[in-house]
Structure formats: structure tokens, C-alpha cells
Protein backbone atom coordinates (compact mmCIF):
# COMPACT_ATOMS: atom_id res chain seq x y z
CA MET A 1 -6.98 -0.82 5.81
CA LYS A 2 -7.31 -4.28 4.26
CA ILE A 3 -10.79 -5.80 4.61
CA LEU A 4 -11.90 -9.34 3.82
CA VAL A 5 -15.49 -10.56 3.49
CA THR A 6 -16.05 -14.29 3.82
CA GLY A 7 -19.01 -15.28 1.70
CA GLY A 8 -18.25 -12.12 -0.26
CA SER A 9 -19.94 -13.42 -3.40
CA GLY A 10 -23.20 -14.30 -1.64
CA TYR A 11 -26.59 -12.58 -1.48
CA LEU A 12 -25.51 -10.08 1.20
CA GLY A 13 -21.75 -10.49 0.90
CA THR A 14 -21.66 -9.14 -2.65
CA HIS A 15 -23.04 -5.81 -1.46
CA VAL A 16 -20.98 -5.64 1.75
CA ARG A 17 -17.81 -6.34 -0.21
CA HIS A 18 -18.58 -3.57 -2.71
CA PHE A 19 -19.42 -1.15 0.11
CA PHE A 20 -15.95 -1.60 1.60
CA ASN A 21 -14.09 -2.35 -1.64
CA ALA A 22 -13.03 -5.51 0.19
CA ASP A 23 -11.58 -8.82 -0.95
CA ASP A 24 -13.68 -11.95 -1.33
CA PHE A 25 -13.13 -15.22 0.51
CA SER A 26 -15.58 -17.73 -0.90
CA ARG A 27 -15.77 -20.85 -2.99
CA ARG A 28 -16.38 -18.66 -6.02
CA SER A 29 -12.94 -17.18 -5.42
CA HIS A 30 -11.63 -20.75 -4.90
CA LEU A 31 -11.27 -20.39 -1.13
CA ASP A 32 -13.02 -22.52 1.49
CA ILE A 33 -13.38 -21.83 5.23
CA LEU A 34 -13.27 -25.60 5.80
CA ASN A 35 -9.72 -25.66 4.40
CA PRO A 36 -7.23 -24.58 7.12
CA ARG A 37 -4.60 -23.73 4.47
CA ASP A 38 -6.98 -21.30 2.77
CA CYS A 39 -7.84 -19.74 6.12
CA ALA A 40 -4.19 -18.82 6.72
CA LEU A 41 -4.82 -15.90 4.33
CA VAL A 42 -6.94 -14.25 7.04
CA ALA A 43 -3.76 -13.15 8.87
CA ASP A 44 -3.07 -10.63 6.08
CA TYR A 45 -6.17 -8.53 6.88
CA ASP A 46 -7.02 -5.77 9.33
CA VAL A 47 -10.78 -6.50 9.30
CA VAL A 48 -12.65 -9.74 8.59
CA ILE A 49 -16.42 -9.62 8.10
CA HIS A 50 -17.58 -13.22 8.40
CA LEU A 51 -20.76 -13.82 6.39
CA ALA A 52 -19.97 -17.28 5.03
CA ALA A 53 -22.49 -19.80 6.33
CA TYR A 54 -24.56 -22.85 5.50
CA LEU A 55 -28.14 -21.60 5.85
CA SER A 56 -30.39 -24.63 5.50
CA LYS A 57 -32.96 -25.48 8.18
CA ASP A 58 -33.53 -28.96 6.75
CA PRO A 59 -32.65 -31.60 9.40
CA ALA A 60 -30.87 -33.55 6.66
CA ASP A 61 -28.36 -30.69 6.40
CA SER A 62 -27.52 -30.51 10.10
CA GLU A 63 -23.99 -31.91 9.65
CA ASN A 64 -23.19 -29.32 6.98
CA CYS A 65 -24.50 -26.55 9.25
CA PHE A 66 -22.33 -27.60 12.17
CA ARG A 67 -19.23 -28.09 10.03
CA THR A 68 -19.51 -24.79 8.16
CA ASN A 69 -20.98 -22.52 10.81
CA ALA A 70 -19.01 -23.83 13.78
CA GLU A 71 -15.87 -25.59 12.53
CA GLY A 72 -15.47 -23.22 9.56
CA THR A 73 -15.81 -20.18 11.80
CA ALA A 74 -13.17 -21.58 14.17
CA ASN A 75 -10.79 -22.09 11.22
CA VAL A 76 -11.08 -18.40 10.34
CA LEU A 77 -10.76 -17.21 13.94
CA ARG A 78 -7.57 -19.16 14.61
CA ASN A 79 -5.79 -17.04 12.00
CA MET A 80 -6.82 -13.61 13.26
CA ARG A 81 -3.89 -11.49 14.34
CA PRO A 82 -3.81 -9.35 17.52
CA SER A 83 -5.52 -5.95 17.28
CA SER A 84 -7.36 -6.88 14.09
CA VAL A 85 -11.19 -6.79 13.93
CA PHE A 86 -13.57 -9.70 13.43
CA ILE A 87 -17.29 -9.20 12.73
CA TYR A 88 -19.55 -12.25 12.91
CA ALA A 89 -22.98 -12.43 11.28
CA SER A 90 -25.21 -14.44 13.59
CA THR A 91 -29.00 -14.58 13.49
CA LYS A 92 -32.01 -13.48 15.53
CA ASP A 93 -33.24 -17.06 15.27
CA VAL A 94 -30.87 -18.14 18.05
CA TYR A 95 -33.63 -16.84 20.37
CA GLY A 96 -36.23 -19.22 18.94
CA ALA A 97 -39.70 -18.94 20.45
CA PHE A 98 -38.35 -16.94 23.42
CA ALA A 99 -38.39 -13.85 21.19
CA ASP A 100 -42.19 -13.88 21.10
CA LYS A 101 -42.23 -12.72 24.74
CA TYR A 102 -40.88 -9.28 23.77
CA SER A 103 -42.38 -6.42 21.78
CA GLU A 104 -38.79 -5.45 20.88
CA VAL A 105 -36.20 -8.18 21.41
CA PRO A 106 -33.10 -7.29 23.49
CA GLU A 107 -29.76 -9.07 23.57
CA THR A 108 -30.72 -10.46 26.99
CA CYS A 109 -33.46 -12.63 25.45
CA PRO A 110 -32.76 -16.29 26.39
CA THR A 111 -31.03 -18.56 23.89
CA GLU A 112 -31.57 -21.90 25.63
CA TYR A 113 -32.61 -24.75 23.40
CA CYS A 114 -36.34 -24.59 22.60
CA GLY A 115 -36.49 -26.43 19.31
CA GLN A 116 -34.05 -24.35 17.23
CA THR A 117 -32.68 -26.08 14.14
CA ALA A 118 -29.05 -27.03 13.56
CA LEU A 119 -28.65 -23.73 11.67
CA GLU A 120 -29.43 -21.61 14.74
CA TRP A 121 -27.59 -23.90 17.14
CA SER A 122 -24.47 -23.93 14.95
CA LYS A 123 -24.58 -20.14 14.76
CA LEU A 124 -24.76 -19.95 18.55
CA ILE A 125 -21.76 -22.29 18.85
CA GLY A 126 -19.98 -20.00 16.38
CA GLU A 127 -20.64 -17.09 18.75
CA ARG A 128 -18.91 -18.97 21.56
CA TYR A 129 -15.90 -19.56 19.30
CA VAL A 130 -15.76 -15.83 18.56
CA GLU A 131 -15.72 -14.99 22.28
CA TYR A 132 -13.06 -17.60 23.06
CA TYR A 133 -10.58 -16.83 20.27
CA ALA A 134 -10.94 -13.06 20.62
CA SER A 135 -9.96 -13.38 24.25
CA GLN A 136 -7.13 -15.83 23.58
CA LEU A 137 -5.58 -14.09 20.55
CA GLY A 138 -6.28 -10.47 21.48
CA PHE A 139 -8.33 -9.19 18.57
CA ARG A 140 -11.48 -7.06 18.65
CA ALA A 141 -14.72 -8.95 17.95
CA CYS A 142 -18.33 -8.10 17.26
CA ILE A 143 -21.38 -10.36 16.97
CA PHE A 144 -24.42 -9.08 15.08
CA ARG A 145 -27.62 -11.07 15.59
CA LEU A 146 -29.28 -10.12 12.34
CA SER A 147 -32.97 -9.72 11.72
CA THR A 148 -34.21 -9.62 8.11
CA VAL A 149 -31.49 -8.03 5.96
CA TYR A 150 -32.40 -7.50 2.31
CA ALA A 151 -30.52 -6.55 -0.84
CA ARG A 152 -30.87 -6.35 -4.60
CA PRO A 153 -30.69 -9.73 -6.37
CA SER A 154 -27.21 -10.81 -7.41
CA GLU A 155 -26.14 -13.41 -9.92
CA GLY A 156 -26.20 -17.00 -8.71
CA ASN A 157 -27.64 -16.21 -5.28
CA GLU A 158 -30.89 -17.25 -3.65
CA PRO A 159 -32.73 -14.06 -2.58
CA GLY A 160 -34.09 -13.43 0.89
CA PHE A 161 -37.83 -13.35 1.35
CA VAL A 162 -38.14 -9.54 0.99
CA THR A 163 -36.38 -9.63 -2.37
CA HIS A 164 -38.48 -12.65 -3.35
CA TYR A 165 -41.68 -10.74 -2.54
CA VAL A 166 -40.55 -7.80 -4.67
CA GLU A 167 -39.70 -10.01 -7.64
CA SER A 168 -42.99 -11.90 -7.26
CA VAL A 169 -45.08 -8.72 -7.24
CA LYS A 170 -43.17 -7.38 -10.28
CA ARG A 171 -43.63 -10.59 -12.26
CA GLY A 172 -47.12 -11.57 -11.12
CA TRP A 173 -45.95 -14.77 -9.43
CA PRO A 174 -48.26 -16.23 -6.77
CA ILE A 175 -47.02 -15.43 -3.26
CA ARG A 176 -47.46 -17.94 -0.44
CA LEU A 177 -47.78 -16.45 3.04
CA PRO A 178 -47.94 -18.06 6.49
CA LEU A 179 -51.02 -17.10 8.54
CA SER A 180 -52.30 -14.87 5.72
CA GLY A 181 -49.23 -12.66 6.10
CA ARG A 182 -49.83 -11.61 9.73
CA PRO A 183 -46.31 -12.37 11.14
CA VAL A 184 -44.23 -9.23 11.78
CA ARG A 185 -40.60 -8.64 10.82
CA ASP A 186 -38.29 -5.63 11.00
CA ILE A 187 -36.29 -5.29 7.81
CA LEU A 188 -32.84 -3.76 7.27
CA HIS A 189 -31.19 -2.65 4.04
CA VAL A 190 -27.81 -4.28 3.42
CA ASP A 191 -26.08 -0.88 3.27
CA ASP A 192 -27.20 -0.21 6.85
CA LEU A 193 -25.63 -3.55 7.82
CA SER A 194 -22.40 -2.36 6.20
CA ARG A 195 -22.62 0.92 8.13
CA ALA A 196 -23.01 -1.04 11.36
CA CYS A 197 -19.84 -2.99 10.52
CA ARG A 198 -18.02 0.29 9.88
CA ALA A 199 -19.36 1.73 13.15
CA PHE A 200 -17.85 -1.14 15.14
CA VAL A 201 -14.53 -0.93 13.27
CA ASP A 202 -14.36 2.80 14.05
CA SER A 203 -15.37 2.36 17.69
CA ASN A 204 -13.14 1.73 20.68
CA SER A 205 -15.13 -1.28 21.83
CA PRO A 206 -13.04 -4.45 22.24
CA ARG A 207 -16.12 -6.73 22.22
CA GLY A 208 -19.73 -6.33 21.21
CA LEU A 209 -23.00 -8.26 20.92
CA TYR A 210 -25.82 -6.43 19.16
CA ASN A 211 -29.25 -7.19 17.77
CA LEU A 212 -29.37 -5.60 14.33
CA GLY A 213 -32.50 -4.99 12.31
CA GLY A 214 -34.75 -2.24 11.07
CA GLY A 215 -36.29 -1.66 14.49
CA ARG A 216 -39.80 -0.45 15.20
CA GLU A 217 -39.67 2.21 12.47
CA ASN A 218 -39.01 -0.40 9.77
CA SER A 219 -41.29 -3.20 10.93
CA ALA A 220 -44.44 -4.48 9.26
CA THR A 221 -46.48 -7.60 8.72
CA LEU A 222 -45.47 -9.70 5.74
CA ARG A 223 -48.68 -8.66 3.97
CA GLU A 224 -47.97 -4.98 4.65
CA ILE A 225 -44.53 -5.33 3.07
CA ILE A 226 -46.13 -6.79 -0.04
CA ASP A 227 -48.75 -4.03 -0.12
CA VAL A 228 -46.05 -1.34 0.00
CA VAL A 229 -44.28 -2.97 -2.96
CA ALA A 230 -47.56 -3.25 -4.87
CA ARG A 231 -48.34 0.44 -4.27
CA ILE A 232 -44.88 1.48 -5.50
CA ILE A 233 -45.14 -0.67 -8.63
CA GLN A 234 -48.86 0.11 -9.04
CA CYS A 235 -49.96 -3.43 -9.61
CA GLU A 236 -52.01 -5.98 -7.71
CA PRO A 237 -50.06 -8.77 -5.97
CA VAL A 238 -51.11 -12.34 -6.62
CA ILE A 239 -51.60 -14.04 -3.25
CA ASP A 240 -51.98 -17.81 -3.05
CA GLU A 241 -54.92 -17.90 -0.66
CA GLU A 242 -54.77 -21.70 -0.49
CA ALA A 243 -51.22 -21.77 0.85
CA ASN A 244 -50.88 -23.62 4.13
CA LEU A 245 -47.40 -22.74 5.37
CA PRO A 246 -46.26 -23.44 8.94
CA PRO A 247 -46.09 -20.33 11.14
CA PRO A 248 -42.59 -18.89 11.49
CA VAL A 249 -40.68 -18.99 14.79
CA PRO A 250 -40.71 -16.47 16.33
CA LEU A 251 -44.10 -15.33 15.08
CA ASN A 252 -43.34 -11.62 15.49
CA TYR A 253 -39.85 -10.14 15.69
CA ILE A 254 -38.68 -6.54 16.09
CA SER A 255 -35.08 -5.79 17.13
CA ASP A 256 -34.40 -3.65 20.18
CA LEU A 257 -31.72 -1.30 18.78
CA ARG A 258 -30.91 0.63 21.96
CA HIS A 259 -27.63 -1.19 22.59
CA ALA A 260 -26.30 -0.58 19.05
CA ARG A 261 -27.42 3.06 19.23
CA SER A 262 -25.75 3.72 22.56
CA GLU A 263 -22.45 1.87 21.99
CA LEU A 264 -21.93 2.34 18.25
CA GLY A 265 -23.91 5.49 17.51
CA TRP A 266 -25.60 3.49 14.75
CA GLN A 267 -29.17 3.36 13.58
CA PRO A 268 -30.82 2.52 10.23
CA GLU A 269 -30.59 5.29 7.66
CA ILE A 270 -32.65 3.71 4.88
CA GLY A 271 -36.38 3.60 5.59
CA MET A 272 -38.61 0.74 4.49
CA GLU A 273 -40.15 2.45 1.47
CA GLU A 274 -36.82 3.85 0.25
CA GLY A 275 -35.22 0.44 0.66
CA LEU A 276 -38.00 -1.38 -1.17
CA ARG A 277 -37.84 1.14 -3.99
CA SER A 278 -34.13 0.39 -4.35
CA LEU A 279 -35.00 -3.25 -5.07
CA ILE A 280 -37.47 -2.24 -7.77
């Protein structure tokens, strides 16, 4: 089975690509999802895991978000062949502030516009492209709305906030936290993301939309995550008590994993402490 990972040299893509021994489609391999000629290569693969994205929430980058996350996704989809498999990495942030109404957020949470940035809106448009082209061209398609997925640092990549916290505790860097670290997130090791991709590939489901995160068992406040890292390393974290960061939206987020469990037989295998230790 030939597998391609777009963004396969990125923070998460590096690890997903190694997990599957897949090929890389990224600018580092001199391929660009905004180039239709490059995207013609997609037709050679049985499975495409689409992680390539422009991830800025800066309003000045809105055009790049829409071009890469919507137009670029459509370029890839147009080259999928019938009966192949496409997996799309979306984001929990498509729910915006609506997610704060749930203790565990289901896939039925509203996604209407409530102030989301161009990043989230472009990802949601990308989801619609996935649904359209899968139906038109006859390939299997899965959308994962990802919570906080973390991985070991990789060369040339900006780490996610979990990895940043670990590196900061290790090196004694001051850590800035919104609301004194009270916001809650469920965190997921990148290998469990890869296992979820494999679970969909191995399933009989023609279409799927799943919230994917660590779930209740792997959720904590931001400060609790830092405290776990500090206990493992046995050193005191340096917290910038003067930091005045805006509160995140949603404030608290835990994925409801029942749909992924029931349809894919998947659940996280790597617990929070084991996963954090792997970063250290």
C-alpha cells in the first residue's frame, strides 16, 4: 500500500510519515499543494494523509490561509482516484466559542461563524471540499477535527504548545500562561493520531467525521501539564506571573471520543505522563 503524507516534513507530519514509512509531499521535498502539476502525483497513491496547512491566526495572513487550506486542499482532492483513501486534518477550533457549552465536545457542536479566524474558517471550507470530491470521485474520506496533538521536536519546525512547555521547563525559560494556566485541553500523542489514521484505512467506512483528542483521561489545565513535566524532570518551572495573554477560545476543550471508539474501534493508547516523558 502506497501512502503519501502532505506536510510530511512538518511538526506532526514528520512523525506520521515515519509511522507509515510514507512518502513526503511538502515544499521541503520540492512539491507544493498550490501547484496543480505537483498535485497530479497524488493519483499514484492508495492513501493520502493531508496535514499540509497554513496555520497562522494573524488577520494579515488570511489570504494565505484560504489559498493553502481551501484551494490547496481542493488541488489534492481533484487527483484522488476511486477507492483510494483521503484523511483530512481539520481542527477543533472550527467550533469556536460554541465548544465551551460542552463538558466533552461532540461532532454535533455548531460550527456557525462566531468570530473564528481565517485559519478555522478555511479549514471548515476544506472539509466541505473533502465531502464534495469524495462523493463525486468515489474515494473514501475521513475528517479528523484535532484537539492538541503533540510530538517530539523536529528540525526546522515550530513546536506545539505542549512541546514548548516541555522545552521551557527543561531549559528554565519563563513560561507565559493565559488566565494563570486555568484553561483545559485534552492532549494526544502523535502516534495515537497515526493509529487513528490506520484505523480508518482498515475500516469499511466510506465517510467519517471524528473529533480526535486525548479525551477526558488525558485532559488537564495548562498549569497541570507544566506541573507534570516539572515533576518528571524534578525541577521548578519558571512562570511569568506578569504575563497578560488573551484567554483562548474555547476556554476549556475536551474531545468526546465516543464516535471514534464506536466506528473505528480507536482510543488513545499513550497516557499523558507516558507521552510527556517521551518528549523529555
